[in-house]
């Protein structure tokens, strides 16, 4: 019913969490994802 709210509401927090998740995995080592159960696609380390 309001596509502007839908897309901006979705993409902004998603982009923020993508950045912090990549930092948590690659820089701070807070958690990790098994390579055994995941695909070998990691754009920008995510």
ModelCIF file with pLDDT and N, C-alpha, C, O atoms, coordinates in Angstrom:
data_MODEL
#
_entry.id   MODEL 
#
_entity.id                         1 
_entity.type                       polymer 
_entity.pdbx_number_of_molecules   1 
#
_entity_poly.entity_id                      1 
_entity_poly.type                           'polypeptide(L)' 
_entity_poly.nstd_linkage                   no 
_entity_poly.nstd_monomer                   no 
_entity_poly.pdbx_seq_one_letter_code       
;(UNK)(UNK)(UNK)(UNK)(UNK)(UNK)(UNK)(UNK)(UNK)(UNK)(UNK)(UNK)(UNK)(UNK)(UNK)(UNK)
(UNK)(UNK)(UNK)(UNK)(UNK)(UNK)(UNK)(UNK)(UNK)(UNK)(UNK)(UNK)(UNK)(UNK)(UNK)(UNK)
(UNK)(UNK)(UNK)(UNK)(UNK)(UNK)(UNK)(UNK)(UNK)(UNK)(UNK)(UNK)(UNK)(UNK)
;
_entity_poly.pdbx_seq_one_letter_code_can   XXXXXXXXXXXXXXXXXXXXXXXXXXXXXXXXXXXXXXXXXXXXXX 
_entity_poly.pdbx_strand_id                 A 
#
loop_
_entity_poly_seq.entity_id 
_entity_poly_seq.num 
_entity_poly_seq.mon_id 
_entity_poly_seq.hetero 
1 1  UNK n 
1 2  UNK n 
1 3  UNK n 
1 4  UNK n 
1 5  UNK n 
1 6  UNK n 
1 7  UNK n 
1 8  UNK n 
1 9  UNK n 
1 10 UNK n 
1 11 UNK n 
1 12 UNK n 
1 13 UNK n 
1 14 UNK n 
1 15 UNK n 
1 16 UNK n 
1 17 UNK n 
1 18 UNK n 
1 19 UNK n 
1 20 UNK n 
1 21 UNK n 
1 22 UNK n 
1 23 UNK n 
1 24 UNK n 
1 25 UNK n 
1 26 UNK n 
1 27 UNK n 
1 28 UNK n 
1 29 UNK n 
1 30 UNK n 
1 31 UNK n 
1 32 UNK n 
1 33 UNK n 
1 34 UNK n 
1 35 UNK n 
1 36 UNK n 
1 37 UNK n 
1 38 UNK n 
1 39 UNK n 
1 40 UNK n 
1 41 UNK n 
1 42 UNK n 
1 43 UNK n 
1 44 UNK n 
1 45 UNK n 
1 46 UNK n 
#
_struct_asym.id          A 
_struct_asym.entity_id   1 
#
loop_
_ma_qa_metric.id 
_ma_qa_metric.mode 
_ma_qa_metric.name 
_ma_qa_metric.software_group_id 
_ma_qa_metric.type 
1 global pLDDT . pLDDT 
2 local  pLDDT . pLDDT 
#
_ma_qa_metric_global.metric_id      1 
_ma_qa_metric_global.metric_value   93.78 
_ma_qa_metric_global.model_id       1 
_ma_qa_metric_global.ordinal_id     1 
#
loop_
_ma_qa_metric_local.label_asym_id 
_ma_qa_metric_local.label_comp_id 
_ma_qa_metric_local.label_seq_id 
_ma_qa_metric_local.metric_id 
_ma_qa_metric_local.metric_value 
_ma_qa_metric_local.model_id 
_ma_qa_metric_local.ordinal_id 
A UNK 1  2 86.00 1 1  
A UNK 2  2 87.00 1 2  
A UNK 3  2 90.00 1 3  
A UNK 4  2 92.00 1 4  
A UNK 5  2 93.00 1 5  
A UNK 6  2 95.00 1 6  
A UNK 7  2 96.00 1 7  
A UNK 8  2 96.00 1 8  
A UNK 9  2 96.00 1 9  
A UNK 10 2 97.00 1 10 
A UNK 11 2 97.00 1 11 
A UNK 12 2 97.00 1 12 
A UNK 13 2 97.00 1 13 
A UNK 14 2 97.00 1 14 
A UNK 15 2 97.00 1 15 
A UNK 16 2 97.00 1 16 
A UNK 17 2 97.00 1 17 
A UNK 18 2 97.00 1 18 
A UNK 19 2 97.00 1 19 
A UNK 20 2 97.00 1 20 
A UNK 21 2 96.00 1 21 
A UNK 22 2 95.00 1 22 
A UNK 23 2 96.00 1 23 
A UNK 24 2 95.00 1 24 
A UNK 25 2 95.00 1 25 
A UNK 26 2 93.00 1 26 
A UNK 27 2 94.00 1 27 
A UNK 28 2 94.00 1 28 
A UNK 29 2 94.00 1 29 
A UNK 30 2 95.00 1 30 
A UNK 31 2 93.00 1 31 
A UNK 32 2 92.00 1 32 
A UNK 33 2 93.00 1 33 
A UNK 34 2 92.00 1 34 
A UNK 35 2 92.00 1 35 
A UNK 36 2 94.00 1 36 
A UNK 37 2 94.00 1 37 
A UNK 38 2 94.00 1 38 
A UNK 39 2 94.00 1 39 
A UNK 40 2 92.00 1 40 
A UNK 41 2 91.00 1 41 
A UNK 42 2 90.00 1 42 
A UNK 43 2 89.00 1 43 
A UNK 44 2 87.00 1 44 
A UNK 45 2 88.00 1 45 
A UNK 46 2 94.00 1 46 
#
loop_
_atom_site.group_PDB 
_atom_site.id 
_atom_site.type_symbol 
_atom_site.label_atom_id 
_atom_site.label_alt_id 
_atom_site.label_comp_id 
_atom_site.label_asym_id 
_atom_site.label_entity_id 
_atom_site.label_seq_id 
_atom_site.pdbx_PDB_ins_code 
_atom_site.Cartn_x 
_atom_site.Cartn_y 
_atom_site.Cartn_z 
_atom_site.occupancy 
_atom_site.B_iso_or_equiv 
_atom_site.pdbx_formal_charge 
_atom_site.auth_seq_id 
_atom_site.auth_comp_id 
_atom_site.auth_asym_id 
_atom_site.auth_atom_id 
_atom_site.pdbx_PDB_model_num 
ATOM 1   N N  . UNK A 1 1  ? 0.818  -1.214  0.000  1.00 86.00 ? 1  UNK A N  1 
ATOM 2   C CA . UNK A 1 1  ? 0.000  0.000   0.000  1.00 86.00 ? 1  UNK A CA 1 
ATOM 3   C C  . UNK A 1 1  ? 0.849  1.259   0.000  1.00 86.00 ? 1  UNK A C  1 
ATOM 4   O O  . UNK A 1 1  ? 0.392  2.314   -0.440 1.00 86.00 ? 1  UNK A O  1 
ATOM 5   N N  . UNK A 1 2  ? 2.077  1.162   0.488  1.00 87.00 ? 2  UNK A N  1 
ATOM 6   C CA . UNK A 1 2  ? 3.017  2.285   0.384  1.00 87.00 ? 2  UNK A CA 1 
ATOM 7   C C  . UNK A 1 2  ? 4.388  1.703   0.095  1.00 87.00 ? 2  UNK A C  1 
ATOM 8   O O  . UNK A 1 2  ? 5.110  1.305   1.009  1.00 87.00 ? 2  UNK A O  1 
ATOM 9   N N  . UNK A 1 3  ? 4.740  1.655   -1.175 1.00 90.00 ? 3  UNK A N  1 
ATOM 10  C CA . UNK A 1 3  ? 5.972  0.975   -1.570 1.00 90.00 ? 3  UNK A CA 1 
ATOM 11  C C  . UNK A 1 3  ? 7.220  1.701   -1.090 1.00 90.00 ? 3  UNK A C  1 
ATOM 12  O O  . UNK A 1 3  ? 8.261  1.072   -0.901 1.00 90.00 ? 3  UNK A O  1 
ATOM 13  N N  . UNK A 1 4  ? 7.137  3.019   -0.891 1.00 92.00 ? 4  UNK A N  1 
ATOM 14  C CA . UNK A 1 4  ? 8.309  3.743   -0.428 1.00 92.00 ? 4  UNK A CA 1 
ATOM 15  C C  . UNK A 1 4  ? 8.646  3.339   1.006  1.00 92.00 ? 4  UNK A C  1 
ATOM 16  O O  . UNK A 1 4  ? 9.812  3.120   1.334  1.00 92.00 ? 4  UNK A O  1 
ATOM 17  N N  . UNK A 1 5  ? 7.634  3.242   1.854  1.00 93.00 ? 5  UNK A N  1 
ATOM 18  C CA . UNK A 1 5  ? 7.872  2.779   3.224  1.00 93.00 ? 5  UNK A CA 1 
ATOM 19  C C  . UNK A 1 5  ? 8.359  1.335   3.213  1.00 93.00 ? 5  UNK A C  1 
ATOM 20  O O  . UNK A 1 5  ? 9.242  0.966   3.988  1.00 93.00 ? 5  UNK A O  1 
ATOM 21  N N  . UNK A 1 6  ? 7.787  0.527   2.340  1.00 95.00 ? 6  UNK A N  1 
ATOM 22  C CA . UNK A 1 6  ? 8.177  -0.884  2.278  1.00 95.00 ? 6  UNK A CA 1 
ATOM 23  C C  . UNK A 1 6  ? 9.660  -1.030  1.953  1.00 95.00 ? 6  UNK A C  1 
ATOM 24  O O  . UNK A 1 6  ? 10.390 -1.716  2.669  1.00 95.00 ? 6  UNK A O  1 
ATOM 25  N N  . UNK A 1 7  ? 10.105 -0.388  0.878  1.00 96.00 ? 7  UNK A N  1 
ATOM 26  C CA . UNK A 1 7  ? 11.477 -0.598  0.437  1.00 96.00 ? 7  UNK A CA 1 
ATOM 27  C C  . UNK A 1 7  ? 12.496 0.085   1.344  1.00 96.00 ? 7  UNK A C  1 
ATOM 28  O O  . UNK A 1 7  ? 13.510 -0.520  1.695  1.00 96.00 ? 7  UNK A O  1 
ATOM 29  N N  . UNK A 1 8  ? 12.249 1.314   1.722  1.00 96.00 ? 8  UNK A N  1 
ATOM 30  C CA . UNK A 1 8  ? 13.199 2.001   2.609  1.00 96.00 ? 8  UNK A CA 1 
ATOM 31  C C  . UNK A 1 8  ? 13.186 1.354   3.990  1.00 96.00 ? 8  UNK A C  1 
ATOM 32  O O  . UNK A 1 8  ? 14.231 1.183   4.617  1.00 96.00 ? 8  UNK A O  1 
ATOM 33  N N  . UNK A 1 9  ? 11.986 0.996   4.456  1.00 96.00 ? 9  UNK A N  1 
ATOM 34  C CA . UNK A 1 9  ? 11.883 0.334   5.746  1.00 96.00 ? 9  UNK A CA 1 
ATOM 35  C C  . UNK A 1 9  ? 12.608 -0.989  5.778  1.00 96.00 ? 9  UNK A C  1 
ATOM 36  O O  . UNK A 1 9  ? 13.120 -1.387  6.824  1.00 96.00 ? 9  UNK A O  1 
ATOM 37  N N  . UNK A 1 10 ? 12.665 -1.682  4.651  1.00 97.00 ? 10 UNK A N  1 
ATOM 38  C CA . UNK A 1 10 ? 13.340 -2.973  4.582  1.00 97.00 ? 10 UNK A CA 1 
ATOM 39  C C  . UNK A 1 10 ? 14.842 -2.834  4.373  1.00 97.00 ? 10 UNK A C  1 
ATOM 40  O O  . UNK A 1 10 ? 15.622 -3.475  5.077  1.00 97.00 ? 10 UNK A O  1 
ATOM 41  N N  . UNK A 1 11 ? 15.256 -2.016  3.425  1.00 97.00 ? 11 UNK A N  1 
ATOM 42  C CA . UNK A 1 11 ? 16.648 -2.027  2.989  1.00 97.00 ? 11 UNK A CA 1 
ATOM 43  C C  . UNK A 1 11 ? 17.600 -1.337  3.956  1.00 97.00 ? 11 UNK A C  1 
ATOM 44  O O  . UNK A 1 11 ? 18.737 -1.783  4.106  1.00 97.00 ? 11 UNK A O  1 
ATOM 45  N N  . UNK A 1 12 ? 17.179 -0.274  4.609  1.00 97.00 ? 12 UNK A N  1 
ATOM 46  C CA . UNK A 1 12 ? 18.101 0.458   5.495  1.00 97.00 ? 12 UNK A CA 1 
ATOM 47  C C  . UNK A 1 12 ? 18.527 -0.398  6.690  1.00 97.00 ? 12 UNK A C  1 
ATOM 48  O O  . UNK A 1 12 ? 19.731 -0.550  6.894  1.00 97.00 ? 12 UNK A O  1 
ATOM 49  N N  . UNK A 1 13 ? 17.619 -0.968  7.497  1.00 97.00 ? 13 UNK A N  1 
ATOM 50  C CA . UNK A 1 13 ? 18.074 -1.822  8.600  1.00 97.00 ? 13 UNK A CA 1 
ATOM 51  C C  . UNK A 1 13 ? 18.772 -3.085  8.125  1.00 97.00 ? 13 UNK A C  1 
ATOM 52  O O  . UNK A 1 13 ? 19.658 -3.598  8.808  1.00 97.00 ? 13 UNK A O  1 
ATOM 53  N N  . UNK A 1 14 ? 18.382 -3.592  6.960  1.00 97.00 ? 14 UNK A N  1 
ATOM 54  C CA . UNK A 1 14 ? 19.045 -4.789  6.436  1.00 97.00 ? 14 UNK A CA 1 
ATOM 55  C C  . UNK A 1 14 ? 20.496 -4.484  6.091  1.00 97.00 ? 14 UNK A C  1 
ATOM 56  O O  . UNK A 1 14 ? 21.390 -5.258  6.431  1.00 97.00 ? 14 UNK A O  1 
ATOM 57  N N  . UNK A 1 15 ? 20.734 -3.367  5.420  1.00 97.00 ? 15 UNK A N  1 
ATOM 58  C CA . UNK A 1 15 ? 22.109 -2.976  5.079  1.00 97.00 ? 15 UNK A CA 1 
ATOM 59  C C  . UNK A 1 15 ? 22.941 -2.765  6.335  1.00 97.00 ? 15 UNK A C  1 
ATOM 60  O O  . UNK A 1 15 ? 24.102 -3.171  6.386  1.00 97.00 ? 15 UNK A O  1 
ATOM 61  N N  . UNK A 1 16 ? 22.356 -2.133  7.347  1.00 97.00 ? 16 UNK A N  1 
ATOM 62  C CA . UNK A 1 16 ? 23.078 -1.899  8.599  1.00 97.00 ? 16 UNK A CA 1 
ATOM 63  C C  . UNK A 1 16 ? 23.479 -3.226  9.247  1.00 97.00 ? 16 UNK A C  1 
ATOM 64  O O  . UNK A 1 16 ? 24.615 -3.378  9.697  1.00 97.00 ? 16 UNK A O  1 
ATOM 65  N N  . UNK A 1 17 ? 22.553 -4.180  9.296  1.00 97.00 ? 17 UNK A N  1 
ATOM 66  C CA . UNK A 1 17 ? 22.854 -5.464  9.929  1.00 97.00 ? 17 UNK A CA 1 
ATOM 67  C C  . UNK A 1 17 ? 23.801 -6.296  9.081  1.00 97.00 ? 17 UNK A C  1 
ATOM 68  O O  . UNK A 1 17 ? 24.563 -7.098  9.622  1.00 97.00 ? 17 UNK A O  1 
ATOM 69  N N  . UNK A 1 18 ? 23.773 -6.125  7.765  1.00 97.00 ? 18 UNK A N  1 
ATOM 70  C CA . UNK A 1 18 ? 24.776 -6.790  6.936  1.00 97.00 ? 18 UNK A CA 1 
ATOM 71  C C  . UNK A 1 18 ? 26.187 -6.327  7.317  1.00 97.00 ? 18 UNK A C  1 
ATOM 72  O O  . UNK A 1 18 ? 27.103 -7.138  7.449  1.00 97.00 ? 18 UNK A O  1 
ATOM 73  N N  . UNK A 1 19 ? 26.343 -5.036  7.489  1.00 97.00 ? 19 UNK A N  1 
ATOM 74  C CA . UNK A 1 19 ? 27.664 -4.484  7.821  1.00 97.00 ? 19 UNK A CA 1 
ATOM 75  C C  . UNK A 1 19 ? 28.124 -4.983  9.186  1.00 97.00 ? 19 UNK A C  1 
ATOM 76  O O  . UNK A 1 19 ? 29.255 -5.443  9.335  1.00 97.00 ? 19 UNK A O  1 
ATOM 77  N N  . UNK A 1 20 ? 27.242 -4.891  10.182 1.00 97.00 ? 20 UNK A N  1 
ATOM 78  C CA . UNK A 1 20 ? 27.641 -5.305  11.534 1.00 97.00 ? 20 UNK A CA 1 
ATOM 79  C C  . UNK A 1 20 ? 27.849 -6.816  11.613 1.00 97.00 ? 20 UNK A C  1 
ATOM 80  O O  . UNK A 1 20 ? 28.694 -7.283  12.377 1.00 97.00 ? 20 UNK A O  1 
ATOM 81  N N  . UNK A 1 21 ? 27.097 -7.577  10.841 1.00 96.00 ? 21 UNK A N  1 
ATOM 82  C CA . UNK A 1 21 ? 27.273 -9.031  10.835 1.00 96.00 ? 21 UNK A CA 1 
ATOM 83  C C  . UNK A 1 21 ? 28.619 -9.404  10.226 1.00 96.00 ? 21 UNK A C  1 
ATOM 84  O O  . UNK A 1 21 ? 29.312 -10.279 10.745 1.00 96.00 ? 21 UNK A O  1 
ATOM 85  N N  . UNK A 1 22 ? 28.996 -8.745  9.126  1.00 95.00 ? 22 UNK A N  1 
ATOM 86  C CA . UNK A 1 22 ? 30.300 -9.010  8.509  1.00 95.00 ? 22 UNK A CA 1 
ATOM 87  C C  . UNK A 1 22 ? 31.428 -8.674  9.475  1.00 95.00 ? 22 UNK A C  1 
ATOM 88  O O  . UNK A 1 22 ? 32.422 -9.396  9.549  1.00 95.00 ? 22 UNK A O  1 
ATOM 89  N N  . UNK A 1 23 ? 31.275 -7.574  10.216 1.00 96.00 ? 23 UNK A N  1 
ATOM 90  C CA . UNK A 1 23 ? 32.288 -7.222  11.209 1.00 96.00 ? 23 UNK A CA 1 
ATOM 91  C C  . UNK A 1 23 ? 32.345 -8.255  12.329 1.00 96.00 ? 23 UNK A C  1 
ATOM 92  O O  . UNK A 1 23 ? 33.429 -8.636  12.770 1.00 96.00 ? 23 UNK A O  1 
ATOM 93  N N  . UNK A 1 24 ? 31.180 -8.708  12.789 1.00 95.00 ? 24 UNK A N  1 
ATOM 94  C CA . UNK A 1 24 ? 31.130 -9.683  13.874 1.00 95.00 ? 24 UNK A CA 1 
ATOM 95  C C  . UNK A 1 24 ? 31.808 -10.991 13.477 1.00 95.00 ? 24 UNK A C  1 
ATOM 96  O O  . UNK A 1 24 ? 32.446 -11.634 14.310 1.00 95.00 ? 24 UNK A O  1 
ATOM 97  N N  . UNK A 1 25 ? 31.673 -11.389 12.208 1.00 95.00 ? 25 UNK A N  1 
ATOM 98  C CA . UNK A 1 25 ? 32.263 -12.647 11.758 1.00 95.00 ? 25 UNK A CA 1 
ATOM 99  C C  . UNK A 1 25 ? 33.739 -12.487 11.423 1.00 95.00 ? 25 UNK A C  1 
ATOM 100 O O  . UNK A 1 25 ? 34.575 -13.262 11.888 1.00 95.00 ? 25 UNK A O  1 
ATOM 101 N N  . UNK A 1 26 ? 34.057 -11.483 10.617 1.00 93.00 ? 26 UNK A N  1 
ATOM 102 C CA . UNK A 1 26 ? 35.401 -11.395 10.044 1.00 93.00 ? 26 UNK A CA 1 
ATOM 103 C C  . UNK A 1 26 ? 36.392 -10.614 10.884 1.00 93.00 ? 26 UNK A C  1 
ATOM 104 O O  . UNK A 1 26 ? 37.588 -10.903 10.851 1.00 93.00 ? 26 UNK A O  1 
ATOM 105 N N  . UNK A 1 27 ? 35.919 -9.622  11.641 1.00 94.00 ? 27 UNK A N  1 
ATOM 106 C CA . UNK A 1 27 ? 36.824 -8.767  12.405 1.00 94.00 ? 27 UNK A CA 1 
ATOM 107 C C  . UNK A 1 27 ? 36.869 -9.135  13.879 1.00 94.00 ? 27 UNK A C  1 
ATOM 108 O O  . UNK A 1 27 ? 37.945 -9.219  14.472 1.00 94.00 ? 27 UNK A O  1 
ATOM 109 N N  . UNK A 1 28 ? 35.694 -9.354  14.473 1.00 94.00 ? 28 UNK A N  1 
ATOM 110 C CA . UNK A 1 28 ? 35.638 -9.560  15.921 1.00 94.00 ? 28 UNK A CA 1 
ATOM 111 C C  . UNK A 1 28 ? 35.522 -11.029 16.323 1.00 94.00 ? 28 UNK A C  1 
ATOM 112 O O  . UNK A 1 28 ? 35.737 -11.361 17.489 1.00 94.00 ? 28 UNK A O  1 
ATOM 113 N N  . UNK A 1 29 ? 35.192 -11.903 15.398 1.00 94.00 ? 29 UNK A N  1 
ATOM 114 C CA . UNK A 1 29 ? 35.128 -13.331 15.709 1.00 94.00 ? 29 UNK A CA 1 
ATOM 115 C C  . UNK A 1 29 ? 34.097 -13.691 16.763 1.00 94.00 ? 29 UNK A C  1 
ATOM 116 O O  . UNK A 1 29 ? 34.323 -14.603 17.558 1.00 94.00 ? 29 UNK A O  1 
ATOM 117 N N  . UNK A 1 30 ? 32.959 -12.986 16.784 1.00 95.00 ? 30 UNK A N  1 
ATOM 118 C CA . UNK A 1 30 ? 31.938 -13.252 17.808 1.00 95.00 ? 30 UNK A CA 1 
ATOM 119 C C  . UNK A 1 30 ? 31.181 -14.530 17.481 1.00 95.00 ? 30 UNK A C  1 
ATOM 120 O O  . UNK A 1 30 ? 30.850 -15.301 18.382 1.00 95.00 ? 30 UNK A O  1 
ATOM 121 N N  . UNK A 1 31 ? 30.907 -14.760 16.216 1.00 93.00 ? 31 UNK A N  1 
ATOM 122 C CA . UNK A 1 31 ? 30.275 -16.005 15.787 1.00 93.00 ? 31 UNK A CA 1 
ATOM 123 C C  . UNK A 1 31 ? 30.822 -16.375 14.417 1.00 93.00 ? 31 UNK A C  1 
ATOM 124 O O  . UNK A 1 31 ? 31.479 -15.571 13.756 1.00 93.00 ? 31 UNK A O  1 
ATOM 125 N N  . UNK A 1 32 ? 30.545 -17.590 14.005 1.00 92.00 ? 32 UNK A N  1 
ATOM 126 C CA . UNK A 1 32 ? 31.038 -18.054 12.714 1.00 92.00 ? 32 UNK A CA 1 
ATOM 127 C C  . UNK A 1 32 ? 30.012 -18.990 12.093 1.00 92.00 ? 32 UNK A C  1 
ATOM 128 O O  . UNK A 1 32 ? 29.189 -19.590 12.783 1.00 92.00 ? 32 UNK A O  1 
ATOM 129 N N  . UNK A 1 33 ? 30.085 -19.097 10.765 1.00 93.00 ? 33 UNK A N  1 
ATOM 130 C CA . UNK A 1 33 ? 29.170 -19.935 10.002 1.00 93.00 ? 33 UNK A CA 1 
ATOM 131 C C  . UNK A 1 33 ? 29.955 -21.105 9.427  1.00 93.00 ? 33 UNK A C  1 
ATOM 132 O O  . UNK A 1 33 ? 31.018 -20.913 8.836  1.00 93.00 ? 33 UNK A O  1 
ATOM 133 N N  . UNK A 1 34 ? 29.443 -22.298 9.596  1.00 92.00 ? 34 UNK A N  1 
ATOM 134 C CA . UNK A 1 34 ? 30.119 -23.496 9.109  1.00 92.00 ? 34 UNK A CA 1 
ATOM 135 C C  . UNK A 1 34 ? 30.206 -23.491 7.588  1.00 92.00 ? 34 UNK A C  1 
ATOM 136 O O  . UNK A 1 34 ? 29.195 -23.316 6.908  1.00 92.00 ? 34 UNK A O  1 
ATOM 137 N N  . UNK A 1 35 ? 31.402 -23.681 7.054  1.00 92.00 ? 35 UNK A N  1 
ATOM 138 C CA . UNK A 1 35 ? 31.561 -23.792 5.603  1.00 92.00 ? 35 UNK A CA 1 
ATOM 139 C C  . UNK A 1 35 ? 30.998 -25.112 5.082  1.00 92.00 ? 35 UNK A C  1 
ATOM 140 O O  . UNK A 1 35 ? 30.699 -25.245 3.895  1.00 92.00 ? 35 UNK A O  1 
ATOM 141 N N  . UNK A 1 36 ? 30.856 -26.090 5.987  1.00 94.00 ? 36 UNK A N  1 
ATOM 142 C CA . UNK A 1 36 ? 30.307 -27.389 5.589  1.00 94.00 ? 36 UNK A CA 1 
ATOM 143 C C  . UNK A 1 36 ? 28.856 -27.270 5.162  1.00 94.00 ? 36 UNK A C  1 
ATOM 144 O O  . UNK A 1 36 ? 28.420 -27.937 4.224  1.00 94.00 ? 36 UNK A O  1 
ATOM 145 N N  . UNK A 1 37 ? 28.097 -26.404 5.864  1.00 94.00 ? 37 UNK A N  1 
ATOM 146 C CA . UNK A 1 37 ? 26.657 -26.298 5.622  1.00 94.00 ? 37 UNK A CA 1 
ATOM 147 C C  . UNK A 1 37 ? 26.261 -25.020 4.893  1.00 94.00 ? 37 UNK A C  1 
ATOM 148 O O  . UNK A 1 37 ? 25.077 -24.690 4.839  1.00 94.00 ? 37 UNK A O  1 
ATOM 149 N N  . UNK A 1 38 ? 27.220 -24.299 4.336  1.00 94.00 ? 38 UNK A N  1 
ATOM 150 C CA . UNK A 1 38 ? 26.895 -23.053 3.648  1.00 94.00 ? 38 UNK A CA 1 
ATOM 151 C C  . UNK A 1 38 ? 27.534 -23.035 2.267  1.00 94.00 ? 38 UNK A C  1 
ATOM 152 O O  . UNK A 1 38 ? 28.507 -23.740 2.001  1.00 94.00 ? 38 UNK A O  1 
ATOM 153 N N  . UNK A 1 39 ? 26.961 -22.211 1.397  1.00 94.00 ? 39 UNK A N  1 
ATOM 154 C CA . UNK A 1 39 ? 27.450 -22.102 0.033  1.00 94.00 ? 39 UNK A CA 1 
ATOM 155 C C  . UNK A 1 39 ? 28.721 -21.251 -0.009 1.00 94.00 ? 39 UNK A C  1 
ATOM 156 O O  . UNK A 1 39 ? 28.922 -20.412 0.869  1.00 94.00 ? 39 UNK A O  1 
ATOM 157 N N  . UNK A 1 40 ? 29.573 -21.449 -1.002 1.00 92.00 ? 40 UNK A N  1 
ATOM 158 C CA . UNK A 1 40 ? 30.849 -20.710 -1.052 1.00 92.00 ? 40 UNK A CA 1 
ATOM 159 C C  . UNK A 1 40 ? 30.711 -19.308 -1.641 1.00 92.00 ? 40 UNK A C  1 
ATOM 160 O O  . UNK A 1 40 ? 31.593 -18.855 -2.371 1.00 92.00 ? 40 UNK A O  1 
ATOM 161 N N  . UNK A 1 41 ? 29.621 -18.624 -1.334 1.00 91.00 ? 41 UNK A N  1 
ATOM 162 C CA . UNK A 1 41 ? 29.410 -17.263 -1.832 1.00 91.00 ? 41 UNK A CA 1 
ATOM 163 C C  . UNK A 1 41 ? 29.433 -16.312 -0.641 1.00 91.00 ? 41 UNK A C  1 
ATOM 164 O O  . UNK A 1 41 ? 28.550 -16.366 0.215  1.00 91.00 ? 41 UNK A O  1 
ATOM 165 N N  . UNK A 1 42 ? 30.427 -15.451 -0.583 1.00 90.00 ? 42 UNK A N  1 
ATOM 166 C CA . UNK A 1 42 ? 30.554 -14.515 0.529  1.00 90.00 ? 42 UNK A CA 1 
ATOM 167 C C  . UNK A 1 42 ? 30.851 -13.117 -0.007 1.00 90.00 ? 42 UNK A C  1 
ATOM 168 O O  . UNK A 1 42 ? 31.983 -12.647 0.100  1.00 90.00 ? 42 UNK A O  1 
ATOM 169 N N  . UNK A 1 43 ? 29.858 -12.450 -0.580 1.00 89.00 ? 43 UNK A N  1 
ATOM 170 C CA . UNK A 1 43 ? 30.100 -11.092 -1.095 1.00 89.00 ? 43 UNK A CA 1 
ATOM 171 C C  . UNK A 1 43 ? 30.499 -10.154 0.036  1.00 89.00 ? 43 UNK A C  1 
ATOM 172 O O  . UNK A 1 43 ? 29.823 -10.067 1.060  1.00 89.00 ? 43 UNK A O  1 
ATOM 173 N N  . UNK A 1 44 ? 31.612 -9.456  -0.171 1.00 87.00 ? 44 UNK A N  1 
ATOM 174 C CA . UNK A 1 44 ? 32.163 -8.519  0.819  1.00 87.00 ? 44 UNK A CA 1 
ATOM 175 C C  . UNK A 1 44 ? 32.413 -9.218  2.161  1.00 87.00 ? 44 UNK A C  1 
ATOM 176 O O  . UNK A 1 44 ? 32.338 -8.590  3.218  1.00 87.00 ? 44 UNK A O  1 
ATOM 177 N N  . UNK A 1 45 ? 32.711 -10.524 2.110  1.00 88.00 ? 45 UNK A N  1 
ATOM 178 C CA . UNK A 1 45 ? 33.015 -11.263 3.321  1.00 88.00 ? 45 UNK A CA 1 
ATOM 179 C C  . UNK A 1 45 ? 31.811 -11.729 4.108  1.00 88.00 ? 45 UNK A C  1 
ATOM 180 O O  . UNK A 1 45 ? 31.964 -12.332 5.170  1.00 88.00 ? 45 UNK A O  1 
ATOM 181 N N  . UNK A 1 46 ? 30.589 -11.457 3.600  1.00 94.00 ? 46 UNK A N  1 
ATOM 182 C CA . UNK A 1 46 ? 29.367 -11.843 4.305  1.00 94.00 ? 46 UNK A CA 1 
ATOM 183 C C  . UNK A 1 46 ? 28.777 -13.084 3.652  1.00 94.00 ? 46 UNK A C  1 
ATOM 184 O O  . UNK A 1 46 ? 27.740 -13.580 4.092  1.00 94.00 ? 46 UNK A O  1 
#
